[in-house]
């Protein structure tokens, strides 16, 4: 069961990344909530700096009609270019804060509701 969240980075009231007492990362962006394994954050941050356009796997980034589409696992986000930049910066700040603090042990991918990205 999840307990209090430790905020890592925030763009607004409904846009943040937080570390849960269970060890998982809760990525909230408007109405979407994605639960990530701590070990996946650095890979996601790297991939968003140089997106693997249209690549298969659990992280996909594409652009169409003036928007950036980001798919993490089975959740898709349609972001304006400024929102995409804010999203990338929020995740990068979260990664820095996560590495600079004594974090909870990473959540095992075998625990319910969490699996590692491919």
Protein backbone atom coordinates (compact mmCIF):
# COMPACT_ATOMS: atom_id res chain seq x y z
CA UNK A 1 0.00 0.00 0.00
CA UNK A 2 1.32 3.41 -0.92
CA UNK A 3 2.03 5.98 1.76
CA UNK A 4 3.04 9.66 1.65
CA UNK A 5 4.83 10.85 -1.48
CA UNK A 6 8.14 12.72 -1.51
CA UNK A 7 7.92 15.33 -4.26
CA UNK A 8 10.93 15.24 -6.61
CA UNK A 9 9.84 17.86 -9.16
CA UNK A 10 6.68 19.77 -9.95
CA UNK A 11 5.45 21.77 -12.94
CA UNK A 12 1.98 22.45 -11.52
CA UNK A 13 -0.64 21.02 -9.19
CA UNK A 14 -1.42 18.19 -11.60
CA UNK A 15 2.06 17.73 -13.10
CA UNK A 16 4.73 16.21 -10.88
CA UNK A 17 6.96 13.23 -10.17
CA UNK A 18 7.11 11.85 -6.64
CA UNK A 19 8.82 9.02 -4.82
CA UNK A 20 6.45 6.76 -2.92
CA UNK A 21 7.18 4.96 0.34
CA UNK A 22 6.80 1.70 -1.63
CA UNK A 23 9.86 2.72 -3.68
CA UNK A 24 8.02 3.41 -6.94
CA UNK A 25 7.95 6.70 -8.80
CA UNK A 26 4.53 8.20 -9.44
CA UNK A 27 4.54 10.33 -12.58
CA UNK A 28 1.41 12.49 -12.71
CA UNK A 29 0.63 14.61 -15.76
CA UNK A 30 -2.85 16.09 -15.74
CA UNK A 31 -5.23 13.09 -15.70
CA UNK A 32 -2.58 10.43 -16.34
CA UNK A 33 -0.68 8.66 -13.58
CA UNK A 34 2.19 6.34 -14.45
CA UNK A 35 3.99 4.17 -11.92
CA UNK A 36 7.66 3.73 -12.83
CA UNK A 37 10.51 1.63 -11.49
CA UNK A 38 13.24 3.90 -10.07
CA UNK A 39 15.85 2.20 -12.25
CA UNK A 40 14.00 3.24 -15.40
CA UNK A 41 14.08 6.98 -14.78
CA UNK A 42 17.60 7.60 -16.09
CA UNK A 43 16.83 5.68 -19.30
CA UNK A 44 13.63 7.66 -19.84
CA UNK A 45 15.48 10.95 -19.26
CA UNK A 46 18.23 9.95 -21.73
CA UNK A 47 15.69 8.84 -24.33
CA UNK A 48 13.72 12.07 -24.03
CA UNK A 49 16.89 14.12 -24.63
CA UNK A 50 17.32 12.34 -27.99
CA UNK A 51 13.96 10.65 -28.60
CA UNK A 52 13.95 7.26 -30.36
CA UNK A 53 11.36 8.35 -32.92
CA UNK A 54 8.85 5.62 -33.62
CA UNK A 55 11.01 2.94 -32.08
CA UNK A 56 9.38 -0.17 -30.67
CA UNK A 57 9.41 -0.79 -26.95
CA UNK A 58 7.94 0.75 -23.84
CA UNK A 59 9.02 4.33 -24.64
CA UNK A 60 7.99 5.91 -27.92
CA UNK A 61 8.13 9.54 -28.99
CA UNK A 62 6.68 10.96 -32.19
CA UNK A 63 5.56 14.31 -33.53
CA UNK A 64 2.46 15.08 -35.57
CA UNK A 65 0.22 18.08 -36.14
CA UNK A 66 2.31 20.36 -33.92
CA UNK A 67 2.21 18.00 -30.93
CA UNK A 68 4.64 15.58 -29.34
CA UNK A 69 3.26 12.14 -28.51
CA UNK A 70 5.02 10.29 -25.70
CA UNK A 71 4.11 6.69 -24.88
CA UNK A 72 5.35 5.19 -21.61
CA UNK A 73 4.23 1.59 -21.24
CA UNK A 74 0.54 1.72 -22.25
CA UNK A 75 -0.05 5.39 -21.37
CA UNK A 76 0.14 8.06 -24.04
CA UNK A 77 0.58 11.79 -23.53
CA UNK A 78 -0.10 14.37 -26.24
CA UNK A 79 2.00 17.41 -25.40
CA UNK A 80 2.51 20.79 -27.00
CA UNK A 81 6.20 21.51 -27.72
CA UNK A 82 6.46 23.80 -24.62
CA UNK A 83 4.77 21.13 -22.46
CA UNK A 84 7.15 18.50 -23.83
CA UNK A 85 10.11 20.67 -22.77
CA UNK A 86 8.56 21.13 -19.31
CA UNK A 87 7.97 17.36 -19.10
CA UNK A 88 11.61 16.60 -20.03
CA UNK A 89 12.95 19.18 -17.58
CA UNK A 90 10.72 17.88 -14.79
CA UNK A 91 11.99 14.33 -15.29
CA UNK A 92 15.62 15.51 -15.46
CA UNK A 93 15.21 17.51 -12.21
CA UNK A 94 13.58 14.48 -10.61
CA UNK A 95 16.50 12.29 -11.60
CA UNK A 96 18.98 14.77 -10.10
CA UNK A 97 17.00 15.01 -6.85
CA UNK A 98 16.56 11.26 -6.65
CA UNK A 99 20.30 10.69 -6.97
CA UNK A 100 21.16 13.44 -4.49
CA UNK A 101 19.00 12.03 -1.69
CA UNK A 102 18.97 8.84 0.26
CA UNK A 103 16.22 7.16 -1.66
CA UNK A 104 14.14 4.19 -0.68
CA UNK A 105 15.32 0.89 -2.14
CA UNK A 106 14.12 0.47 -5.73
CA UNK A 107 10.80 -1.29 -6.15
CA UNK A 108 11.23 -4.80 -7.47
CA UNK A 109 9.70 -5.31 -10.89
CA UNK A 110 8.09 -8.43 -9.44
CA UNK A 111 5.88 -6.39 -7.11
CA UNK A 112 2.27 -5.74 -8.16
CA UNK A 113 1.62 -2.78 -10.42
CA UNK A 114 5.22 -2.28 -11.50
CA UNK A 115 7.35 -3.65 -14.29
CA UNK A 116 10.62 -2.51 -15.78
CA UNK A 117 10.66 -0.83 -19.18
CA UNK A 118 12.15 -2.85 -22.05
